């Protein structure tokens, strides 16, 4: 409970993103809406996939997903990004409401070349990733603003 209060109190008071476009998106999992957002403080763009009524007073399923070209698009077996994204979509479809904030930044901002060089398989076959960086907290603040723009409680 204390962690939730800290998260809510650290959420941005003013929006740092604006909606640029929204469209209907039929998928293999179900029908969603897709919205494009622009940052008001940088040149970043975000995409949100969402379903159902978004209300700040109702807990909502939300996944913040960093772009993964090799996993999301090509189905690389070195990561489980595609499975995580699909699972989130399936959960939202079952719930009837929720959102996925898709960050257009490969490997949490380190780029595809560095990311692919840093993801390795351990001897047991599990994935060991060294792609996390110190800017992760800062990068999460903008998607939190995007959730606020969607009227989702973070």
C-alpha atoms as a PDB file:
ATOM      1  CA  UNK A   1       0.000   0.000   0.000  1.00  0.00           C
ATOM      2  CA  UNK A   2       2.815   2.402   0.864  1.00  0.00           C
ATOM      3  CA  UNK A   3       4.525   1.662  -2.483  1.00  0.00           C
ATOM      4  CA  UNK A   4       1.262   2.453  -4.330  1.00  0.00           C
ATOM      5  CA  UNK A   5       0.943   5.776  -2.505  1.00  0.00           C
ATOM      6  CA  UNK A   6       4.555   6.652  -3.343  1.00  0.00           C
ATOM      7  CA  UNK A   7       3.969   5.789  -7.011  1.00  0.00           C
ATOM      8  CA  UNK A   8       0.800   7.878  -7.143  1.00  0.00           C
ATOM      9  CA  UNK A   9       2.465  10.827  -5.394  1.00  0.00           C
ATOM     10  CA  UNK A  10       5.416  10.686  -7.829  1.00  0.00           C
ATOM     11  CA  UNK A  11       3.126  10.685 -10.890  1.00  0.00           C
ATOM     12  CA  UNK A  12       3.333  13.826 -13.019  1.00  0.00           C
ATOM     13  CA  UNK A  13       0.817  16.533 -12.117  1.00  0.00           C
ATOM     14  CA  UNK A  14       0.707  17.872 -15.675  1.00  0.00           C
ATOM     15  CA  UNK A  15       0.761  15.819 -18.833  1.00  0.00           C
ATOM     16  CA  UNK A  16       4.018  15.628 -20.722  1.00  0.00           C
ATOM     17  CA  UNK A  17       2.435  13.961 -23.764  1.00  0.00           C
ATOM     18  CA  UNK A  18      -0.306  14.808 -26.237  1.00  0.00           C
ATOM     19  CA  UNK A  19      -2.436  12.447 -28.317  1.00  0.00           C
ATOM     20  CA  UNK A  20      -1.667  12.790 -32.021  1.00  0.00           C
ATOM     21  CA  UNK A  21      -3.933  10.091 -33.506  1.00  0.00           C
ATOM     22  CA  UNK A  22      -6.214   7.187 -32.601  1.00  0.00           C
ATOM     23  CA  UNK A  23      -7.586   4.309 -34.689  1.00  0.00           C
ATOM     24  CA  UNK A  24      -9.361   0.961 -34.406  1.00  0.00           C
ATOM     25  CA  UNK A  25      -6.935  -2.011 -34.528  1.00  0.00           C
ATOM     26  CA  UNK A  26      -8.291  -5.529 -35.072  1.00  0.00           C
ATOM     27  CA  UNK A  27      -5.682  -8.125 -33.969  1.00  0.00           C
ATOM     28  CA  UNK A  28      -5.430 -11.912 -33.687  1.00  0.00           C
ATOM     29  CA  UNK A  29      -6.211 -11.517 -29.980  1.00  0.00           C
ATOM     30  CA  UNK A  30      -9.188  -9.161 -30.324  1.00  0.00           C
ATOM     31  CA  UNK A  31     -10.132  -5.643 -31.270  1.00  0.00           C
ATOM     32  CA  UNK A  32      -8.186  -2.817 -29.640  1.00  0.00           C
ATOM     33  CA  UNK A  33      -7.681   0.888 -30.191  1.00  0.00           C
ATOM     34  CA  UNK A  34      -4.239   2.233 -30.957  1.00  0.00           C
ATOM     35  CA  UNK A  35      -3.214   5.787 -30.141  1.00  0.00           C
ATOM     36  CA  UNK A  36      -0.081   7.711 -31.016  1.00  0.00           C
ATOM     37  CA  UNK A  37       1.324  10.236 -28.548  1.00  0.00           C
ATOM     38  CA  UNK A  38       4.051  12.853 -28.810  1.00  0.00           C
ATOM     39  CA  UNK A  39       6.156  13.972 -25.883  1.00  0.00           C
ATOM     40  CA  UNK A  40       5.865  17.652 -25.007  1.00  0.00           C
ATOM     41  CA  UNK A  41       9.351  17.654 -23.477  1.00  0.00           C
ATOM     42  CA  UNK A  42      11.403  15.647 -26.012  1.00  0.00           C
ATOM     43  CA  UNK A  43      11.237  14.315 -29.557  1.00  0.00           C
ATOM     44  CA  UNK A  44       9.961  10.912 -28.384  1.00  0.00           C
ATOM     45  CA  UNK A  45       6.809   9.275 -29.648  1.00  0.00           C
ATOM     46  CA  UNK A  46       4.792   6.572 -27.920  1.00  0.00           C
ATOM     47  CA  UNK A  47       2.108   4.142 -28.945  1.00  0.00           C
ATOM     48  CA  UNK A  48      -0.631   2.909 -26.650  1.00  0.00           C
ATOM     49  CA  UNK A  49      -2.776  -0.107 -27.407  1.00  0.00           C
ATOM     50  CA  UNK A  50      -5.914  -0.064 -25.285  1.00  0.00           C
ATOM     51  CA  UNK A  51      -9.309  -1.631 -24.811  1.00  0.00           C
ATOM     52  CA  UNK A  52     -12.373  -0.625 -22.849  1.00  0.00           C
ATOM     53  CA  UNK A  53     -13.197   2.418 -20.796  1.00  0.00           C
ATOM     54  CA  UNK A  54     -10.200   4.005 -19.103  1.00  0.00           C
ATOM     55  CA  UNK A  55     -11.067   5.563 -15.746  1.00  0.00           C
ATOM     56  CA  UNK A  56      -8.600   6.851 -13.144  1.00  0.00           C
ATOM     57  CA  UNK A  57     -10.747   5.536 -10.277  1.00  0.00           C
ATOM     58  CA  UNK A  58     -10.726   1.909 -11.484  1.00  0.00           C
ATOM     59  CA  UNK A  59      -7.589  -0.285 -11.299  1.00  0.00           C
ATOM     60  CA  UNK A  60      -6.485  -1.104 -14.828  1.00  0.00           C
ATOM     61  CA  UNK A  61      -4.140  -3.662 -16.362  1.00  0.00           C
ATOM     62  CA  UNK A  62      -1.168  -1.789 -17.869  1.00  0.00           C
ATOM     63  CA  UNK A  63       2.045  -3.068 -19.441  1.00  0.00           C
ATOM     64  CA  UNK A  64       4.921  -0.766 -20.367  1.00  0.00           C
ATOM     65  CA  UNK A  65       6.719  -2.608 -23.163  1.00  0.00           C
ATOM     66  CA  UNK A  66       9.998  -1.497 -24.733  1.00  0.00           C
ATOM     67  CA  UNK A  67      10.251  -2.103 -28.449  1.00  0.00           C
ATOM     68  CA  UNK A  68      12.064  -5.312 -29.335  1.00  0.00           C
ATOM     69  CA  UNK A  69      12.557  -5.677 -33.073  1.00  0.00           C
ATOM     70  CA  UNK A  70      14.152  -9.115 -32.900  1.00  0.00           C
ATOM     71  CA  UNK A  71      11.636 -10.504 -30.390  1.00  0.00           C
ATOM     72  CA  UNK A  72       8.377  -8.710 -31.221  1.00  0.00           C
ATOM     73  CA  UNK A  73       8.751  -8.856 -35.007  1.00  0.00           C
ATOM     74  CA  UNK A  74      11.139 -11.716 -35.812  1.00  0.00           C
ATOM     75  CA  UNK A  75      10.349 -14.067 -32.892  1.00  0.00           C
ATOM     76  CA  UNK A  76      13.922 -14.372 -31.597  1.00  0.00           C
ATOM     77  CA  UNK A  77      14.402 -17.190 -29.107  1.00  0.00           C
ATOM     78  CA  UNK A  78      16.980 -15.093 -27.206  1.00  0.00           C
ATOM     79  CA  UNK A  79      14.205 -13.180 -25.463  1.00  0.00           C
ATOM     80  CA  UNK A  80      10.580 -13.614 -24.497  1.00  0.00           C
ATOM     81  CA  UNK A  81       9.394 -10.137 -25.531  1.00  0.00           C
ATOM     82  CA  UNK A  82       6.905 -11.423 -28.084  1.00  0.00           C
ATOM     83  CA  UNK A  83       5.380 -13.844 -25.557  1.00  0.00           C
ATOM     84  CA  UNK A  84       5.168 -11.104 -22.900  1.00  0.00           C
ATOM     85  CA  UNK A  85       3.451  -8.725 -25.315  1.00  0.00           C
ATOM     86  CA  UNK A  86       0.993 -11.377 -26.512  1.00  0.00           C
ATOM     87  CA  UNK A  87       0.238 -12.461 -22.939  1.00  0.00           C
ATOM     88  CA  UNK A  88      -0.492  -8.852 -21.947  1.00  0.00           C
ATOM     89  CA  UNK A  89      -2.848  -8.495 -24.923  1.00  0.00           C
ATOM     90  CA  UNK A  90      -4.612 -11.746 -23.979  1.00  0.00           C
ATOM     91  CA  UNK A  91      -5.024 -10.633 -20.358  1.00  0.00           C
ATOM     92  CA  UNK A  92      -6.479  -7.294 -21.472  1.00  0.00           C
ATOM     93  CA  UNK A  93      -8.820  -9.054 -23.890  1.00  0.00           C
ATOM     94  CA  UNK A  94     -10.049 -11.357 -21.081  1.00  0.00           C
ATOM     95  CA  UNK A  95     -10.446  -8.437 -18.661  1.00  0.00           C
ATOM     96  CA  UNK A  96     -12.197  -6.313 -21.273  1.00  0.00           C
ATOM     97  CA  UNK A  97     -10.080  -3.273 -20.423  1.00  0.00           C
ATOM     98  CA  UNK A  98      -6.437  -2.318 -20.136  1.00  0.00           C
ATOM     99  CA  UNK A  99      -3.546  -0.676 -21.941  1.00  0.00           C
ATOM    100  CA  UNK A 100      -0.104  -1.429 -23.321  1.00  0.00           C
ATOM    101  CA  UNK A 101       2.310   1.496 -23.598  1.00  0.00           C
ATOM    102  CA  UNK A 102       4.709   0.527 -26.385  1.00  0.00           C
ATOM    103  CA  UNK A 103       7.904   2.538 -26.042  1.00  0.00           C
ATOM    104  CA  UNK A 104       9.571   3.191 -29.376  1.00  0.00           C
ATOM    105  CA  UNK A 105      13.052   2.677 -27.997  1.00  0.00           C
ATOM    106  CA  UNK A 106      14.955  -0.508 -28.601  1.00  0.00           C
ATOM    107  CA  UNK A 107      16.395  -2.137 -25.503  1.00  0.00           C
ATOM    108  CA  UNK A 108      15.297   0.575 -23.053  1.00  0.00           C
ATOM    109  CA  UNK A 109      17.094   3.202 -25.073  1.00  0.00           C
ATOM    110  CA  UNK A 110      20.471   1.562 -25.666  1.00  0.00           C
ATOM    111  CA  UNK A 111      19.737   0.666 -29.309  1.00  0.00           C
ATOM    112  CA  UNK A 112      19.457  -2.598 -31.161  1.00  0.00           C
ATOM    113  CA  UNK A 113      23.177  -3.116 -31.781  1.00  0.00           C
ATOM    114  CA  UNK A 114      24.139  -2.746 -28.118  1.00  0.00           C
ATOM    115  CA  UNK A 115      21.102  -4.743 -27.009  1.00  0.00           C
ATOM    116  CA  UNK A 116      21.837  -7.712 -29.244  1.00  0.00           C
ATOM    117  CA  UNK A 117      25.452  -7.744 -28.103  1.00  0.00           C
ATOM    118  CA  UNK A 118      24.429  -7.677 -24.417  1.00  0.00           C
ATOM    119  CA  UNK A 119      21.762 -10.403 -24.414  1.00  0.00           C
ATOM    120  CA  UNK A 120      23.279 -13.827 -24.032  1.00  0.00           C
ATOM    121  CA  UNK A 121      22.155 -17.312 -23.127  1.00  0.00           C
ATOM    122  CA  UNK A 122      23.362 -18.815 -19.874  1.00  0.00           C
ATOM    123  CA  UNK A 123      24.580 -22.450 -19.821  1.00  0.00           C
ATOM    124  CA  UNK A 124      21.103 -23.508 -18.588  1.00  0.00           C
ATOM    125  CA  UNK A 125      19.436 -21.797 -21.551  1.00  0.00           C
ATOM    126  CA  UNK A 126      17.905 -18.877 -19.678  1.00  0.00           C
ATOM    127  CA  UNK A 127      18.298 -15.311 -20.868  1.00  0.00           C
ATOM    128  CA  UNK A 128      20.739 -12.989 -19.117  1.00  0.00           C
ATOM    129  CA  UNK A 129      20.319  -9.377 -20.113  1.00  0.00           C
ATOM    130  CA  UNK A 130      22.650  -6.518 -19.266  1.00  0.00           C
ATOM    131  CA  UNK A 131      20.620  -3.901 -21.104  1.00  0.00           C
ATOM    132  CA  UNK A 132      19.170  -2.070 -18.106  1.00  0.00           C
ATOM    133  CA  UNK A 133      20.506   1.420 -17.662  1.00  0.00           C
ATOM    134  CA  UNK A 134      20.313   4.219 -15.142  1.00  0.00           C
ATOM    135  CA  UNK A 135      17.825   6.180 -17.248  1.00  0.00           C
ATOM    136  CA  UNK A 136      15.059   3.602 -16.694  1.00  0.00           C
ATOM    137  CA  UNK A 137      13.344   5.614 -13.943  1.00  0.00           C
ATOM    138  CA  UNK A 138      13.377   8.786 -16.056  1.00  0.00           C
ATOM    139  CA  UNK A 139      12.050   6.850 -19.067  1.00  0.00           C
ATOM    140  CA  UNK A 140       9.151   5.473 -17.000  1.00  0.00           C
ATOM    141  CA  UNK A 141       7.925   8.940 -16.054  1.00  0.00           C
ATOM    142  CA  UNK A 142       6.807   9.701 -19.619  1.00  0.00           C
ATOM    143  CA  UNK A 143       4.739   6.487 -19.933  1.00  0.00           C
ATOM    144  CA  UNK A 144       3.195   7.332 -16.557  1.00  0.00           C
ATOM    145  CA  UNK A 145       2.112  10.639 -18.082  1.00  0.00           C
ATOM    146  CA  UNK A 146       0.752   8.708 -21.044  1.00  0.00           C
ATOM    147  CA  UNK A 147      -1.287   6.524 -18.664  1.00  0.00           C
ATOM    148  CA  UNK A 148      -2.668   9.702 -17.155  1.00  0.00           C
ATOM    149  CA  UNK A 149      -3.581  10.907 -20.648  1.00  0.00           C
ATOM    150  CA  UNK A 150      -5.459   7.626 -21.150  1.00  0.00           C
ATOM    151  CA  UNK A 151      -7.160   8.220 -17.765  1.00  0.00           C
ATOM    152  CA  UNK A 152      -5.594   5.045 -16.345  1.00  0.00           C
ATOM    153  CA  UNK A 153      -4.619   5.046 -12.684  1.00  0.00           C
ATOM    154  CA  UNK A 154      -0.950   4.135 -12.338  1.00  0.00           C
END
